[in-house]
């Protein structure tokens, strides 16, 4: 399973899934908080937005994998059997980058939460 996570395609997708929410969260905080473009709006806190992005990516990974398993079981009519190893690898390949980036986003949100709690 670790080999699946470290495939080049999964690493690139995980980096994209990390950068996009990070740029959005930090961008809104910097643009709203430190410029005079939106004087009447307070910036949203960064940690809850990282938690929300983490939850969303985990949920999307879970749903994509669940749809894949349901489609396989419907096609083969093997409802109670274990998933074959080749299908497990494909399933983990579909979920790996989403779940890895969700875990990293959650850790970033937690660290930011603790930093802003101390400040």
N, C-alpha and C. Protein backbone atom coordinates (compact mmCIF):
# COMPACT_ATOMS: atom_id res chain seq x y z
N UNK A 1 0.81 -1.19 0.00
CA UNK A 1 0.00 0.00 0.00
C UNK A 1 0.86 1.27 0.00
N UNK A 2 1.99 1.22 0.67
CA UNK A 2 2.87 2.39 0.69
C UNK A 2 3.41 2.67 -0.71
N UNK A 3 3.66 1.60 -1.50
CA UNK A 3 4.14 1.79 -2.86
C UNK A 3 3.10 2.55 -3.69
N UNK A 4 1.83 2.32 -3.40
CA UNK A 4 0.77 3.01 -4.13
C UNK A 4 0.77 4.49 -3.81
N UNK A 5 0.99 4.83 -2.55
CA UNK A 5 0.99 6.24 -2.16
C UNK A 5 2.16 6.97 -2.80
N UNK A 6 3.29 6.29 -2.95
CA UNK A 6 4.49 6.94 -3.46
C UNK A 6 4.60 6.93 -4.98
N UNK A 7 3.58 6.49 -5.69
CA UNK A 7 3.61 6.60 -7.15
C UNK A 7 3.61 8.07 -7.54
N UNK A 8 4.27 8.36 -8.65
CA UNK A 8 4.44 9.75 -9.08
C UNK A 8 3.10 10.44 -9.31
N UNK A 9 2.15 9.72 -9.92
CA UNK A 9 0.84 10.32 -10.19
C UNK A 9 0.13 10.69 -8.89
N UNK A 10 0.20 9.81 -7.89
CA UNK A 10 -0.47 10.09 -6.62
C UNK A 10 0.21 11.21 -5.86
N UNK A 11 1.53 11.29 -5.93
CA UNK A 11 2.25 12.37 -5.24
C UNK A 11 1.90 13.72 -5.87
N UNK A 12 1.87 13.79 -7.19
CA UNK A 12 1.54 15.05 -7.87
C UNK A 12 0.10 15.46 -7.56
N UNK A 13 -0.82 14.50 -7.60
CA UNK A 13 -2.22 14.82 -7.28
C UNK A 13 -2.37 15.27 -5.83
N UNK A 14 -1.64 14.62 -4.92
CA UNK A 14 -1.70 15.01 -3.51
C UNK A 14 -1.15 16.42 -3.31
N UNK A 15 -0.07 16.76 -4.02
CA UNK A 15 0.47 18.11 -3.91
C UNK A 15 -0.49 19.15 -4.43
N UNK A 16 -1.17 18.84 -5.53
CA UNK A 16 -2.18 19.77 -6.06
C UNK A 16 -3.32 19.91 -5.07
N UNK A 17 -3.74 18.78 -4.49
CA UNK A 17 -4.84 18.82 -3.52
C UNK A 17 -4.44 19.50 -2.21
N UNK A 18 -3.16 19.63 -1.97
CA UNK A 18 -2.68 20.40 -0.81
C UNK A 18 -2.55 21.88 -1.15
N UNK A 19 -2.04 22.17 -2.33
CA UNK A 19 -1.77 23.56 -2.69
C UNK A 19 -3.04 24.37 -2.95
N UNK A 20 -4.02 23.79 -3.60
CA UNK A 20 -5.22 24.56 -3.95
C UNK A 20 -5.95 25.07 -2.71
N UNK A 21 -6.31 24.21 -1.73
CA UNK A 21 -6.97 24.76 -0.53
C UNK A 21 -6.06 25.68 0.27
N UNK A 22 -4.76 25.38 0.29
CA UNK A 22 -3.85 26.24 1.04
C UNK A 22 -3.77 27.64 0.44
N UNK A 23 -3.70 27.71 -0.88
CA UNK A 23 -3.66 29.02 -1.54
C UNK A 23 -4.96 29.78 -1.31
N UNK A 24 -6.08 29.07 -1.38
CA UNK A 24 -7.37 29.74 -1.15
C UNK A 24 -7.49 30.26 0.28
N UNK A 25 -7.10 29.44 1.25
CA UNK A 25 -7.25 29.83 2.66
C UNK A 25 -6.30 30.97 3.01
N UNK A 26 -5.04 30.81 2.68
CA UNK A 26 -4.06 31.85 3.02
C UNK A 26 -4.31 33.10 2.18
N UNK A 27 -4.72 32.92 0.93
CA UNK A 27 -5.00 34.07 0.07
C UNK A 27 -6.13 34.92 0.59
N UNK A 28 -7.23 34.30 0.99
CA UNK A 28 -8.34 35.10 1.51
C UNK A 28 -7.95 35.79 2.81
N UNK A 29 -7.13 35.13 3.62
CA UNK A 29 -6.70 35.73 4.88
C UNK A 29 -5.81 36.95 4.62
N UNK A 30 -4.88 36.82 3.69
CA UNK A 30 -3.97 37.94 3.40
C UNK A 30 -4.66 39.06 2.65
N UNK A 31 -5.48 38.71 1.66
CA UNK A 31 -6.13 39.75 0.85
C UNK A 31 -7.14 40.54 1.68
N UNK A 32 -7.94 39.85 2.45
CA UNK A 32 -8.95 40.55 3.24
C UNK A 32 -8.35 41.22 4.46
N UNK A 33 -7.40 40.55 5.10
CA UNK A 33 -6.85 41.06 6.35
C UNK A 33 -5.82 42.16 6.22
N UNK A 34 -5.01 42.11 5.16
CA UNK A 34 -3.87 43.02 5.09
C UNK A 34 -3.90 43.99 3.92
N UNK A 35 -5.01 44.07 3.23
CA UNK A 35 -5.14 45.09 2.18
C UNK A 35 -6.36 45.95 2.50
N UNK A 36 -6.51 47.01 1.74
CA UNK A 36 -7.66 47.88 1.96
C UNK A 36 -8.74 47.66 0.90
N UNK A 37 -8.72 46.50 0.25
CA UNK A 37 -9.72 46.21 -0.78
C UNK A 37 -11.10 45.96 -0.19
N UNK A 38 -11.14 45.31 0.97
CA UNK A 38 -12.42 44.97 1.62
C UNK A 38 -12.38 45.46 3.07
N UNK A 39 -12.61 46.75 3.31
CA UNK A 39 -12.44 47.26 4.67
C UNK A 39 -13.53 46.82 5.64
N UNK A 40 -14.70 46.43 5.15
CA UNK A 40 -15.80 46.10 6.05
C UNK A 40 -15.88 44.61 6.37
N UNK A 41 -15.01 43.80 5.80
CA UNK A 41 -15.08 42.36 5.99
C UNK A 41 -13.90 41.89 6.83
N UNK A 42 -14.17 41.06 7.80
CA UNK A 42 -13.10 40.43 8.57
C UNK A 42 -12.72 39.11 7.90
N UNK A 43 -11.42 38.78 7.87
CA UNK A 43 -11.03 37.52 7.24
C UNK A 43 -11.48 36.32 8.08
N UNK A 44 -11.79 35.24 7.41
CA UNK A 44 -12.15 34.01 8.10
C UNK A 44 -10.90 33.41 8.73
N UNK A 45 -11.07 32.75 9.84
CA UNK A 45 -9.93 32.11 10.49
C UNK A 45 -9.42 30.96 9.63
N UNK A 46 -8.11 30.75 9.64
CA UNK A 46 -7.52 29.77 8.75
C UNK A 46 -7.72 28.33 9.21
N UNK A 47 -7.62 28.07 10.50
CA UNK A 47 -7.69 26.69 10.98
C UNK A 47 -9.02 26.01 10.65
N UNK A 48 -10.17 26.64 10.90
CA UNK A 48 -11.42 25.96 10.53
C UNK A 48 -11.56 25.71 9.03
N UNK A 49 -11.00 26.59 8.22
CA UNK A 49 -11.05 26.37 6.77
C UNK A 49 -10.18 25.18 6.36
N UNK A 50 -9.03 25.01 7.02
CA UNK A 50 -8.21 23.83 6.76
C UNK A 50 -8.93 22.57 7.22
N UNK A 51 -9.62 22.63 8.36
CA UNK A 51 -10.40 21.47 8.82
C UNK A 51 -11.51 21.14 7.82
N UNK A 52 -12.17 22.15 7.31
CA UNK A 52 -13.24 21.94 6.35
C UNK A 52 -12.71 21.32 5.05
N UNK A 53 -11.58 21.81 4.56
CA UNK A 53 -10.98 21.25 3.35
C UNK A 53 -10.54 19.81 3.58
N UNK A 54 -10.01 19.54 4.77
CA UNK A 54 -9.59 18.19 5.11
C UNK A 54 -10.78 17.24 5.14
N UNK A 55 -11.84 17.65 5.76
CA UNK A 55 -13.05 16.82 5.83
C UNK A 55 -13.62 16.59 4.43
N UNK A 56 -13.63 17.63 3.61
CA UNK A 56 -14.16 17.50 2.25
C UNK A 56 -13.34 16.53 1.41
N UNK A 57 -12.02 16.61 1.50
CA UNK A 57 -11.19 15.69 0.72
C UNK A 57 -11.31 14.26 1.22
N UNK A 58 -11.41 14.08 2.52
CA UNK A 58 -11.59 12.72 3.05
C UNK A 58 -12.93 12.15 2.59
N UNK A 59 -13.96 12.97 2.62
CA UNK A 59 -15.28 12.52 2.20
C UNK A 59 -15.32 12.18 0.72
N UNK A 60 -14.69 12.99 -0.11
CA UNK A 60 -14.65 12.71 -1.54
C UNK A 60 -13.89 11.40 -1.81
N UNK A 61 -12.78 11.19 -1.12
CA UNK A 61 -12.04 9.93 -1.28
C UNK A 61 -12.85 8.73 -0.85
N UNK A 62 -13.58 8.86 0.24
CA UNK A 62 -14.42 7.76 0.71
C UNK A 62 -15.53 7.45 -0.29
N UNK A 63 -16.17 8.48 -0.80
CA UNK A 63 -17.29 8.28 -1.73
C UNK A 63 -16.80 7.69 -3.06
N UNK A 64 -15.66 8.17 -3.57
CA UNK A 64 -15.12 7.62 -4.82
C UNK A 64 -14.81 6.14 -4.65
N UNK A 65 -14.20 5.77 -3.55
CA UNK A 65 -13.89 4.36 -3.31
C UNK A 65 -15.14 3.53 -3.12
N UNK A 66 -16.12 4.08 -2.44
CA UNK A 66 -17.36 3.34 -2.22
C UNK A 66 -18.12 3.12 -3.52
N UNK A 67 -18.11 4.10 -4.40
CA UNK A 67 -18.75 3.94 -5.71
C UNK A 67 -18.03 2.87 -6.52
N UNK A 68 -16.70 2.85 -6.45
CA UNK A 68 -15.93 1.84 -7.18
C UNK A 68 -16.26 0.44 -6.68
N UNK A 69 -16.30 0.25 -5.36
CA UNK A 69 -16.61 -1.07 -4.79
C UNK A 69 -18.04 -1.47 -5.13
N UNK A 70 -18.97 -0.55 -5.05
CA UNK A 70 -20.36 -0.87 -5.36
C UNK A 70 -20.52 -1.27 -6.82
N UNK A 71 -19.84 -0.58 -7.71
CA UNK A 71 -19.90 -0.92 -9.13
C UNK A 71 -19.31 -2.31 -9.39
N UNK A 72 -18.19 -2.61 -8.74
CA UNK A 72 -17.58 -3.94 -8.90
C UNK A 72 -18.51 -5.03 -8.37
N UNK A 73 -19.08 -4.82 -7.21
CA UNK A 73 -19.95 -5.84 -6.62
C UNK A 73 -21.23 -6.02 -7.44
N UNK A 74 -21.75 -4.96 -8.01
CA UNK A 74 -22.95 -5.07 -8.84
C UNK A 74 -22.65 -5.83 -10.13
N UNK A 75 -21.48 -5.58 -10.71
CA UNK A 75 -21.12 -6.26 -11.96
C UNK A 75 -20.85 -7.75 -11.75
N UNK A 76 -20.20 -8.11 -10.64
CA UNK A 76 -19.83 -9.51 -10.42
C UNK A 76 -20.84 -10.28 -9.60
N UNK A 77 -21.77 -9.59 -8.98
CA UNK A 77 -22.78 -10.20 -8.10
C UNK A 77 -22.16 -10.94 -6.91
N UNK A 78 -20.99 -10.50 -6.48
CA UNK A 78 -20.32 -11.04 -5.31
C UNK A 78 -20.48 -10.04 -4.17
N UNK A 79 -21.60 -10.14 -3.48
CA UNK A 79 -21.95 -9.13 -2.48
C UNK A 79 -21.19 -9.30 -1.17
N UNK A 80 -20.93 -10.53 -0.73
CA UNK A 80 -20.34 -10.75 0.58
C UNK A 80 -18.88 -11.16 0.53
N UNK A 81 -18.33 -11.40 -0.66
CA UNK A 81 -16.94 -11.84 -0.77
C UNK A 81 -15.99 -10.67 -0.53
N UNK A 82 -14.77 -11.05 -0.13
CA UNK A 82 -13.74 -10.03 0.02
C UNK A 82 -13.33 -9.51 -1.36
N UNK A 83 -12.88 -8.29 -1.40
CA UNK A 83 -12.41 -7.69 -2.63
C UNK A 83 -11.09 -8.37 -3.04
N UNK A 84 -10.93 -8.74 -4.30
CA UNK A 84 -9.66 -9.33 -4.73
C UNK A 84 -8.50 -8.35 -4.56
N UNK A 85 -7.30 -8.88 -4.48
CA UNK A 85 -6.14 -8.03 -4.23
C UNK A 85 -5.90 -7.00 -5.32
N UNK A 86 -6.13 -7.37 -6.57
CA UNK A 86 -5.91 -6.39 -7.64
C UNK A 86 -6.92 -5.25 -7.56
N UNK A 87 -8.13 -5.56 -7.15
CA UNK A 87 -9.15 -4.50 -6.98
C UNK A 87 -8.86 -3.65 -5.74
N UNK A 88 -8.29 -4.26 -4.72
CA UNK A 88 -7.90 -3.49 -3.52
C UNK A 88 -6.82 -2.46 -3.85
N UNK A 89 -5.87 -2.88 -4.68
CA UNK A 89 -4.80 -1.96 -5.07
C UNK A 89 -5.38 -0.78 -5.86
N UNK A 90 -6.30 -1.08 -6.77
CA UNK A 90 -6.94 -0.01 -7.54
C UNK A 90 -7.73 0.91 -6.62
N UNK A 91 -8.45 0.31 -5.66
CA UNK A 91 -9.23 1.11 -4.70
C UNK A 91 -8.32 2.01 -3.88
N UNK A 92 -7.23 1.46 -3.37
CA UNK A 92 -6.30 2.26 -2.58
C UNK A 92 -5.66 3.34 -3.44
N UNK A 93 -5.41 3.02 -4.71
CA UNK A 93 -4.84 4.00 -5.63
C UNK A 93 -5.79 5.18 -5.83
N UNK A 94 -7.09 4.91 -5.85
CA UNK A 94 -8.07 5.98 -6.01
C UNK A 94 -8.18 6.85 -4.75
N UNK A 95 -8.02 6.24 -3.59
CA UNK A 95 -8.21 6.96 -2.33
C UNK A 95 -6.93 7.58 -1.77
N UNK A 96 -5.78 7.10 -2.16
CA UNK A 96 -4.53 7.43 -1.47
C UNK A 96 -4.22 8.92 -1.47
N UNK A 97 -4.25 9.55 -2.62
CA UNK A 97 -3.85 10.95 -2.67
C UNK A 97 -4.85 11.85 -1.95
N UNK A 98 -6.14 11.52 -2.04
CA UNK A 98 -7.14 12.31 -1.33
C UNK A 98 -6.99 12.18 0.18
N UNK A 99 -6.82 10.97 0.65
CA UNK A 99 -6.71 10.77 2.10
C UNK A 99 -5.39 11.30 2.66
N UNK A 100 -4.31 11.17 1.89
CA UNK A 100 -3.04 11.69 2.36
C UNK A 100 -3.09 13.22 2.46
N UNK A 101 -3.63 13.86 1.44
CA UNK A 101 -3.72 15.32 1.50
C UNK A 101 -4.70 15.78 2.57
N UNK A 102 -5.75 15.00 2.81
CA UNK A 102 -6.68 15.34 3.89
C UNK A 102 -5.99 15.28 5.24
N UNK A 103 -5.15 14.26 5.43
CA UNK A 103 -4.42 14.14 6.70
C UNK A 103 -3.45 15.30 6.89
N UNK A 104 -2.75 15.68 5.84
CA UNK A 104 -1.80 16.79 5.94
C UNK A 104 -2.53 18.11 6.19
N UNK A 105 -3.66 18.33 5.51
CA UNK A 105 -4.43 19.55 5.75
C UNK A 105 -4.97 19.60 7.19
N UNK A 106 -5.38 18.46 7.72
CA UNK A 106 -5.84 18.43 9.10
C UNK A 106 -4.70 18.77 10.06
N UNK A 107 -3.52 18.25 9.80
CA UNK A 107 -2.36 18.55 10.66
C UNK A 107 -2.01 20.03 10.57
N UNK A 108 -2.04 20.60 9.37
CA UNK A 108 -1.76 22.03 9.22
C UNK A 108 -2.80 22.85 9.98
N UNK A 109 -4.07 22.48 9.86
CA UNK A 109 -5.12 23.19 10.60
C UNK A 109 -4.94 23.08 12.10
N UNK A 110 -4.55 21.91 12.57
CA UNK A 110 -4.34 21.71 14.01
C UNK A 110 -3.16 22.56 14.51
N UNK A 111 -2.08 22.57 13.75
CA UNK A 111 -0.92 23.38 14.14
C UNK A 111 -1.29 24.86 14.15
N UNK A 112 -2.00 25.33 13.14
CA UNK A 112 -2.43 26.74 13.11
C UNK A 112 -3.37 27.05 14.27
N UNK A 113 -4.22 26.11 14.59
CA UNK A 113 -5.13 26.30 15.74
C UNK A 113 -4.35 26.47 17.03
N UNK A 114 -3.33 25.65 17.22
CA UNK A 114 -2.52 25.76 18.43
C UNK A 114 -1.69 27.02 18.44
N UNK A 115 -1.17 27.43 17.28
CA UNK A 115 -0.36 28.66 17.21
C UNK A 115 -1.23 29.88 17.53
N UNK A 116 -2.41 29.95 16.94
CA UNK A 116 -3.27 31.11 17.19
C UNK A 116 -3.89 31.05 18.59
N UNK A 117 -3.92 29.90 19.20
CA UNK A 117 -4.39 29.79 20.58
C UNK A 117 -3.36 30.40 21.54
N UNK A 118 -2.08 30.20 21.23
CA UNK A 118 -1.01 30.73 22.08
C UNK A 118 -0.84 32.22 21.86
N UNK A 119 -1.02 32.68 20.63
CA UNK A 119 -0.81 34.12 20.32
C UNK A 119 -1.89 34.96 20.87
